[in-house]
Protein backbone atom coordinates (compact mmCIF):
# COMPACT_ATOMS: atom_id res chain seq x y z
CA MET A 1 41.99 136.77 67.14
CA MET A 2 41.95 139.55 69.58
CA HIS A 3 40.33 139.07 73.31
CA HIS A 4 39.11 141.91 75.33
CA ARG A 5 37.40 140.37 78.74
CA THR A 6 39.67 141.01 81.79
CA ALA A 7 39.81 138.09 84.70
CA SER A 8 39.62 138.74 88.36
CA PRO A 9 43.25 139.28 89.63
CA SER A 10 42.84 136.15 91.76
CA ALA A 11 44.55 133.25 90.53
CA PRO A 12 42.63 130.08 90.31
CA ASP A 13 43.85 126.65 91.25
CA GLY A 14 46.22 124.89 88.76
CA LEU A 15 48.13 127.94 87.72
CA ALA A 16 51.57 128.27 87.59
CA VAL A 17 53.88 131.24 86.45
CA VAL A 18 57.41 130.60 85.09
CA VAL A 19 59.45 133.63 85.17
CA VAL A 20 62.70 133.16 82.91
CA ALA A 21 65.97 134.64 84.42
CA ALA A 22 68.89 132.77 83.23
CA GLY A 23 69.88 135.16 80.42
CA SER A 24 73.58 136.44 80.57
CA GLY A 25 72.51 140.50 80.26
CA THR A 26 75.38 140.98 78.16
CA ARG A 27 74.04 144.10 76.42
CA LEU A 28 73.25 145.94 79.54
CA GLY A 29 77.21 145.77 80.34
CA TYR A 30 76.75 145.03 84.13
CA GLY A 31 78.96 141.75 84.11
CA MET A 32 76.30 139.79 85.77
CA PRO A 33 73.22 138.09 85.10
CA LYS A 34 70.59 140.54 83.51
CA ALA A 35 68.04 139.57 86.44
CA LEU A 36 70.47 140.70 89.03
CA VAL A 37 70.90 144.06 87.49
CA PRO A 38 69.86 146.82 90.04
CA LEU A 39 66.73 148.78 89.38
CA SER A 40 66.01 151.53 91.75
CA GLY A 41 67.75 149.41 94.55
CA ARG A 42 66.39 146.11 93.65
CA PRO A 43 67.21 143.52 91.18
CA LEU A 44 65.29 143.29 88.03
CA LEU A 45 63.88 139.70 89.23
CA GLU A 46 62.36 141.07 92.39
CA HIS A 47 60.57 143.74 90.77
CA ALA A 48 59.33 141.02 88.29
CA LEU A 49 58.40 138.60 91.16
CA THR A 50 56.75 141.34 93.07
CA THR A 51 54.59 141.99 89.97
CA VAL A 52 53.35 138.64 89.53
CA ARG A 53 52.66 138.41 93.29
CA GLU A 54 50.47 141.23 93.10
CA ALA A 55 48.71 139.99 89.98
CA LEU A 56 48.39 136.49 91.14
CA PRO A 57 48.69 136.00 94.74
CA ALA A 58 47.81 132.27 94.49
CA ALA A 59 49.76 131.00 91.59
CA SER A 60 52.84 128.60 91.95
CA LEU A 61 55.77 130.37 90.87
CA LEU A 62 59.02 129.03 89.24
CA VAL A 63 62.29 131.04 88.07
CA THR A 64 64.87 129.77 85.65
CA VAL A 65 68.20 130.59 86.75
CA PRO A 66 71.81 130.04 85.26
CA ALA A 67 73.75 126.58 86.23
CA GLY A 68 75.63 127.14 89.68
CA ASP A 69 73.57 130.30 90.59
CA THR A 70 73.08 131.13 94.08
CA GLU A 71 72.25 134.91 94.22
CA LEU A 72 69.01 134.71 91.91
CA THR A 73 68.13 131.83 93.75
CA ALA A 74 67.97 133.56 96.84
CA VAL A 75 65.97 136.50 95.32
CA ALA A 76 63.31 133.70 94.27
CA ALA A 77 63.25 132.07 97.47
CA ALA A 78 62.87 135.65 99.13
CA CYS A 79 59.84 136.24 97.06
CA GLY A 80 57.99 132.64 97.56
CA ALA A 81 59.52 131.17 94.39
CA ARG A 82 61.21 128.25 93.55
CA ALA A 83 64.21 128.21 91.54
CA VAL A 84 64.78 125.71 88.42
CA THR A 85 68.06 125.61 86.62
CA GLY A 86 67.79 126.67 83.24
CA GLY A 87 69.30 125.80 79.83
CA ALA A 88 71.58 127.18 77.27
CA THR A 89 68.79 129.01 75.46
CA ARG A 90 65.56 130.75 76.55
CA ALA A 91 63.31 127.69 75.17
CA GLN A 92 65.67 125.09 76.97
CA SER A 93 64.92 126.81 79.85
CA VAL A 94 61.09 126.87 79.74
CA ALA A 95 61.20 123.30 78.86
CA ARG A 96 62.97 122.74 82.13
CA ALA A 97 60.79 124.42 83.82
CA LEU A 98 57.76 122.70 82.62
CA ALA A 99 59.44 119.48 83.85
CA ALA A 100 59.43 120.86 87.43
CA LEU A 101 56.08 122.23 87.73
CA PRO A 102 53.72 120.75 90.27
CA SER A 103 51.40 117.91 89.22
CA GLY A 104 48.18 119.79 89.66
CA VAL A 105 49.23 122.44 87.30
CA THR A 106 46.82 122.64 84.43
CA ARG A 107 47.62 126.35 83.02
CA VAL A 108 50.77 128.06 82.71
CA LEU A 109 52.10 131.59 82.08
CA VAL A 110 55.65 132.19 80.87
CA HIS A 111 56.92 135.77 81.73
CA ASP A 112 60.21 137.34 81.01
CA ALA A 113 62.24 138.61 84.20
CA ALA A 114 63.35 141.51 81.90
CA ARG A 115 59.49 142.43 81.60
CA CYS A 116 59.63 143.36 85.23
CA LEU A 117 57.32 146.25 85.34
CA THR A 118 54.49 144.53 83.55
CA PRO A 119 51.11 145.90 85.00
CA PRO A 120 49.09 143.44 86.75
CA ALA A 121 45.85 144.18 83.97
CA VAL A 122 48.16 142.43 81.32
CA PHE A 123 48.26 139.32 83.58
CA ALA A 124 44.59 139.50 84.24
CA ARG A 125 43.72 139.75 80.43
CA VAL A 126 45.88 136.87 79.36
CA LEU A 127 44.27 134.69 82.36
CA ALA A 128 40.82 135.80 81.27
CA ALA A 129 41.60 134.41 77.87
CA LEU A 130 42.66 131.15 79.34
CA GLN A 131 39.54 131.02 81.57
CA ASP A 132 37.47 131.56 78.43
CA GLY A 133 39.02 128.55 76.81
CA ALA A 134 41.80 129.62 74.94
CA GLN A 135 44.95 127.42 74.56
CA ALA A 136 47.61 129.95 73.86
CA VAL A 137 47.37 133.64 74.75
CA VAL A 138 50.08 136.53 73.86
CA PRO A 139 49.97 140.19 74.85
CA VAL A 140 50.56 142.45 72.00
CA THR A 141 50.86 146.12 71.21
CA GLU A 142 50.46 148.10 68.02
CA VAL A 143 53.75 148.89 66.00
CA THR A 144 54.22 152.60 65.69
CA ASP A 145 57.26 153.11 63.93
CA THR A 146 57.51 153.08 59.83
CA VAL A 147 58.84 149.60 59.04
CA ARG A 148 60.82 148.67 55.69
CA GLY A 149 61.54 145.29 54.53
CA VAL A 150 64.87 144.52 53.33
CA ASP A 151 66.64 142.07 50.76
CA PRO A 152 69.85 139.97 51.31
CA ALA A 153 71.60 142.52 50.04
CA GLY A 154 70.34 145.21 52.70
CA ARG A 155 67.99 147.13 50.14
CA SER A 156 64.91 148.32 50.67
CA THR A 157 61.90 146.28 49.65
CA GLY A 158 59.13 148.99 50.56
CA THR A 159 57.38 149.89 53.54
CA VAL A 160 55.76 147.04 55.21
CA ASP A 161 52.08 147.65 56.27
CA ARG A 162 52.38 148.03 60.08
CA ALA A 163 48.69 147.90 60.27
CA ALA A 164 48.87 144.00 60.16
CA LEU A 165 51.83 143.85 62.61
CA ARG A 166 52.00 143.63 66.46
CA ALA A 167 54.94 143.60 68.83
CA VAL A 168 54.80 140.59 71.32
CA GLN A 169 55.16 140.92 74.82
CA THR A 170 54.96 138.29 77.67
CA PRO A 171 53.15 136.95 80.01
CA GLN A 172 52.07 134.35 77.33
CA GLY A 173 49.67 131.86 78.61
CA PHE A 174 48.90 128.10 77.61
CA GLY A 175 47.06 124.99 78.74
CA ARG A 176 49.96 122.87 80.49
CA ALA A 177 49.19 119.79 78.26
CA LEU A 178 49.48 121.85 74.99
CA LEU A 179 52.91 123.49 75.97
CA GLU A 180 54.30 120.15 77.15
CA ARG A 181 53.38 118.59 73.55
CA VAL A 182 54.97 121.34 71.63
CA ASN A 183 57.89 121.19 73.50
CA GLY A 184 58.34 117.61 72.94
CA ALA A 185 57.58 118.07 69.57
CA ALA A 186 60.28 120.32 69.11
CA GLY A 187 62.96 118.06 71.09
CA LEU A 188 63.19 120.53 74.02
CA LEU A 189 62.12 118.55 76.97
CA PRO A 190 65.16 118.28 79.19
CA ASP A 191 66.18 114.44 78.20
CA ARG A 192 65.98 115.09 74.53
CA GLY A 193 69.14 117.08 74.46
CA ALA A 194 68.05 118.65 70.89
CA GLU A 195 68.80 122.35 69.81
CA ASP A 196 66.15 124.96 69.35
CA PRO A 197 64.20 124.73 66.24
CA ALA A 198 65.08 127.41 63.63
CA GLY A 199 62.94 130.11 63.55
CA ILE A 200 61.51 129.75 67.01
CA THR A 201 61.53 133.04 68.81
CA ASP A 202 58.99 132.47 71.71
CA ASP A 203 56.80 129.82 73.05
CA ALA A 204 53.58 130.84 70.99
CA SER A 205 55.80 129.98 67.96
CA LEU A 206 55.89 126.38 69.03
CA VAL A 207 52.13 126.14 68.98
CA GLU A 208 51.95 127.76 65.66
CA ARG A 209 54.42 125.47 64.17
CA TYR A 210 53.57 122.07 66.01
CA ALA A 211 49.87 122.74 67.05
CA PRO A 212 48.67 124.93 64.19
CA GLU A 213 44.90 123.60 65.12
CA HIS A 214 45.13 125.89 68.49
CA PRO A 215 44.86 129.56 67.21
CA VAL A 216 47.07 131.94 69.10
CA VAL A 217 44.64 134.64 70.93
CA LEU A 218 46.22 137.96 71.11
CA VAL A 219 45.06 140.34 74.19
CA ALA A 220 46.17 143.75 74.82
CA GLY A 221 49.76 144.43 76.31
CA ASP A 222 51.04 147.77 77.66
CA LEU A 223 53.71 150.10 76.90
CA GLU A 224 55.12 149.62 80.41
CA SER A 225 55.60 145.79 79.66
CA PHE A 226 58.93 146.77 77.68
CA LYS A 227 61.80 144.41 77.77
CA ILE A 228 64.99 145.62 79.37
CA THR A 229 67.65 144.96 77.17
CA ARG A 230 70.32 147.92 76.78
CA PRO A 231 71.41 150.76 78.86
CA LEU A 232 68.48 153.14 77.72
CA ASP A 233 65.89 151.03 78.83
CA LEU A 234 67.08 151.03 82.39
CA VAL A 235 66.81 154.74 82.01
CA LEU A 236 63.24 154.50 81.09
CA ALA A 237 62.43 151.73 83.71
CA ARG A 238 63.60 154.08 86.30
CA ALA A 239 61.49 156.46 85.36
CA VAL A 240 58.39 154.34 85.36
CA VAL A 241 59.22 153.08 88.91
CA GLU A 242 59.63 156.77 90.19
CA SER A 243 56.30 157.53 88.54
CA ARG A 244 54.59 154.75 90.42
CA GLY A 245 55.81 155.97 93.71
């Protein structure tokens, strides 16, 4: 299901944004947490939080950080966000942030700090779908590369029809009660101590497995919402920042 309405950029009461920033960033090669890696003179996390504040100025804002962190915590505080110690995996970090949400929160957006240049319009589209009654919302883009399947031996099984494929981005939006329910069903809540379920790659995957009665609604993402993972991504990110002036 594809949703097309765009919400007002002002955030309603009861909205929180969780920015996941506890990753190690080893593939970037900077020897520091990924969210601290500089982009045009500022940490990736600062870019991400600035974007969130521009898009949703009234939302509660939480950031998951590595255990023992002080630097990302300081960046979060300077941007008006609360730092929460994350877990060993992304899913466990989100679960810890859910446990720390203010009591009045009814809707949650989960965003990756590594997608620090996501345009405000993407946040608006996700929020609009939530306001229209969706309980799980994911921004996506079309797949433009040719994609092939492979068998266990690494041999091609043929070209995959990309018309039926979409690349997934963040922020992903959820009703709080639903997101807490599926995290509990997966054993991810902080007091459970379970490992991540196999095959779960993002928060929407939890909904699809543990609450299939709630369809995951798709909205348009944006090419500038790419995830900064490798050095070449930083080159592109610098070009985007420069183009924005």
